[in-house]
């Protein structure tokens, strides 16, 4: 029997909520809404107020925020969690800054002829263009997100 595995890409971050917001806008994703679960756990006294915050207009975890594809389902075992399955980016707060080049990065694919316009849109959201690559196998732009994580726009 073949089992389908779900996954998420976890990215270290100084500001998980800003990163989730940037990537949600960049990819047409949604910032996950965990507010129902957070509020339930606070009301039950199961978690302290100190590990929560208000972000994107609702209660959220202080050190975690995620962006998920709008067509992907929620966790079928706990729909109140707001946790998405499928194409999901989870940003977790870490104390240290990014210091070296990514070993893993996101490639953003655009429609033919749209690369430069999409790159401009991403720059307006807070990214910056690092360089243009033109090789026999193709051409793309290397950008950095607001926290300096490199990604490519093809």
Protein backbone atom coordinates (compact mmCIF):
# COMPACT_ATOMS: atom_id res chain seq x y z
CA UNK A 1 0.00 0.00 0.00
CA UNK A 2 1.36 3.42 -0.98
CA UNK A 3 0.98 6.13 1.61
CA UNK A 4 0.80 9.79 0.61
CA UNK A 5 3.03 11.89 2.81
CA UNK A 6 2.32 15.47 3.69
CA UNK A 7 5.12 17.96 4.24
CA UNK A 8 5.88 21.55 5.09
CA UNK A 9 8.98 23.63 4.53
CA UNK A 10 10.16 25.11 7.85
CA UNK A 11 12.16 28.32 7.61
CA UNK A 12 14.04 29.96 10.48
CA UNK A 13 13.04 33.57 10.92
CA UNK A 14 13.52 36.68 13.03
CA UNK A 15 9.90 37.74 12.45
CA UNK A 16 7.70 34.77 11.51
CA UNK A 17 4.55 36.85 11.02
CA UNK A 18 6.19 39.31 8.62
CA UNK A 19 7.72 36.42 6.67
CA UNK A 20 4.41 34.53 6.47
CA UNK A 21 2.75 37.74 5.26
CA UNK A 22 5.42 38.36 2.62
CA UNK A 23 5.33 34.80 1.26
CA UNK A 24 1.53 34.63 1.35
CA UNK A 25 1.40 37.76 -0.83
CA UNK A 26 4.28 36.59 -3.02
CA UNK A 27 2.74 33.19 -3.80
CA UNK A 28 -0.99 33.95 -3.57
CA UNK A 29 -1.17 31.88 -0.37
CA UNK A 30 -3.11 32.51 2.83
CA UNK A 31 -1.60 33.24 6.22
CA UNK A 32 -2.85 30.40 8.39
CA UNK A 33 -5.42 31.29 11.01
CA UNK A 34 -4.64 29.44 14.24
CA UNK A 35 -6.67 31.89 16.33
CA UNK A 36 -9.44 29.44 17.29
CA UNK A 37 -6.95 26.97 18.75
CA UNK A 38 -4.90 29.70 20.44
CA UNK A 39 -8.02 31.22 22.03
CA UNK A 40 -9.24 27.77 23.20
CA UNK A 41 -5.90 26.96 24.80
CA UNK A 42 -5.69 30.38 26.47
CA UNK A 43 -9.25 30.04 27.84
CA UNK A 44 -8.43 26.59 29.23
CA UNK A 45 -5.26 27.91 30.89
CA UNK A 46 -3.23 25.41 28.87
CA UNK A 47 -0.81 28.04 27.48
CA UNK A 48 0.43 31.35 28.87
CA UNK A 49 -0.48 34.65 27.23
CA UNK A 50 3.26 35.33 26.80
CA UNK A 51 3.60 32.79 23.95
CA UNK A 52 0.88 34.47 21.89
CA UNK A 53 0.58 37.71 19.97
CA UNK A 54 -1.80 39.54 17.66
CA UNK A 55 -0.83 39.33 14.00
CA UNK A 56 -2.76 39.70 10.75
CA UNK A 57 -5.76 40.96 12.75
CA UNK A 58 -6.10 37.94 15.05
CA UNK A 59 -4.57 36.02 17.95
CA UNK A 60 -1.56 33.95 16.91
CA UNK A 61 1.43 32.05 18.23
CA UNK A 62 4.29 34.41 19.03
CA UNK A 63 7.06 32.31 17.50
CA UNK A 64 5.31 30.50 14.63
CA UNK A 65 3.40 31.59 11.54
CA UNK A 66 2.58 29.76 8.34
CA UNK A 67 1.42 30.46 4.81
CA UNK A 68 -0.48 27.77 2.91
CA UNK A 69 -1.91 27.27 -0.53
CA UNK A 70 -5.59 28.34 -0.52
CA UNK A 71 -6.77 25.13 -2.21
CA UNK A 72 -5.10 22.78 0.27
CA UNK A 73 -7.14 21.26 3.11
CA UNK A 74 -6.89 21.77 6.85
CA UNK A 75 -5.81 19.09 9.30
CA UNK A 76 -8.71 16.60 9.22
CA UNK A 77 -8.00 15.53 12.81
CA UNK A 78 -8.30 19.03 14.25
CA UNK A 79 -10.02 21.57 12.00
CA UNK A 80 -9.96 24.18 14.78
CA UNK A 81 -6.15 24.26 14.68
CA UNK A 82 -6.11 26.11 11.35
CA UNK A 83 -3.13 23.98 10.32
CA UNK A 84 -3.00 23.44 6.59
CA UNK A 85 -1.84 20.33 4.78
CA UNK A 86 0.02 20.33 1.51
CA UNK A 87 1.87 23.31 0.11
CA UNK A 88 2.79 25.07 3.35
CA UNK A 89 5.63 27.30 4.58
CA UNK A 90 6.11 27.45 8.36
CA UNK A 91 8.24 30.23 9.78
CA UNK A 92 9.72 29.71 13.24
CA UNK A 93 11.42 32.38 15.31
CA UNK A 94 15.10 31.78 16.04
CA UNK A 95 17.40 34.09 18.01
CA UNK A 96 20.34 34.09 15.60
CA UNK A 97 20.40 36.02 12.31
CA UNK A 98 20.91 34.39 8.93
CA UNK A 99 24.64 34.28 8.27
CA UNK A 100 25.29 32.10 5.20
CA UNK A 101 23.78 31.25 1.84
CA UNK A 102 20.70 29.03 1.86
CA UNK A 103 21.24 25.34 1.19
CA UNK A 104 17.61 25.10 0.08
CA UNK A 105 15.61 27.76 -1.72
CA UNK A 106 12.25 28.40 -3.35
CA UNK A 107 11.92 28.81 -7.12
CA UNK A 108 9.01 31.02 -8.13
CA UNK A 109 7.81 30.16 -11.65
CA UNK A 110 6.09 32.84 -13.68
CA UNK A 111 4.11 32.82 -16.89
CA UNK A 112 6.10 33.40 -20.09
CA UNK A 113 7.13 37.04 -20.34
CA UNK A 114 6.06 37.84 -16.74
CA UNK A 115 9.34 37.31 -14.88
CA UNK A 116 10.41 40.94 -14.67
CA UNK A 117 6.94 42.21 -13.75
CA UNK A 118 6.66 39.57 -11.01
CA UNK A 119 10.12 40.46 -9.73
CA UNK A 120 9.06 44.12 -9.53
CA UNK A 121 5.94 43.08 -7.59
CA UNK A 122 8.08 41.06 -5.16
CA UNK A 123 10.44 44.01 -4.70
CA UNK A 124 7.43 46.19 -3.87
CA UNK A 125 6.52 43.61 -1.19
CA UNK A 126 9.96 43.88 0.40
CA UNK A 127 12.28 41.59 -1.60
CA UNK A 128 15.45 42.81 -3.26
CA UNK A 129 17.10 41.69 -6.47
CA UNK A 130 20.56 40.23 -5.86
CA UNK A 131 21.59 39.28 -9.39
CA UNK A 132 20.53 38.14 -12.82
CA UNK A 133 21.70 34.76 -14.09
CA UNK A 134 21.91 33.99 -17.81
CA UNK A 135 23.27 30.54 -18.65
CA UNK A 136 22.87 28.21 -21.62
CA UNK A 137 20.27 26.24 -19.62
CA UNK A 138 18.13 29.28 -18.90
CA UNK A 139 17.93 32.63 -17.20
CA UNK A 140 16.47 33.71 -13.89
CA UNK A 141 16.69 36.36 -11.22
CA UNK A 142 18.01 35.71 -7.73
CA UNK A 143 16.16 37.70 -5.10
CA UNK A 144 16.26 37.89 -1.31
CA UNK A 145 13.13 37.98 0.82
CA UNK A 146 12.84 40.62 3.59
CA UNK A 147 15.08 38.53 5.91
CA UNK A 148 17.71 37.80 3.25
CA UNK A 149 16.67 34.28 2.24
CA UNK A 150 17.58 33.77 -1.41
CA UNK A 151 14.99 32.59 -3.93
CA UNK A 152 14.82 32.47 -7.71
CA UNK A 153 12.26 33.93 -10.09
CA UNK A 154 12.09 32.10 -13.39
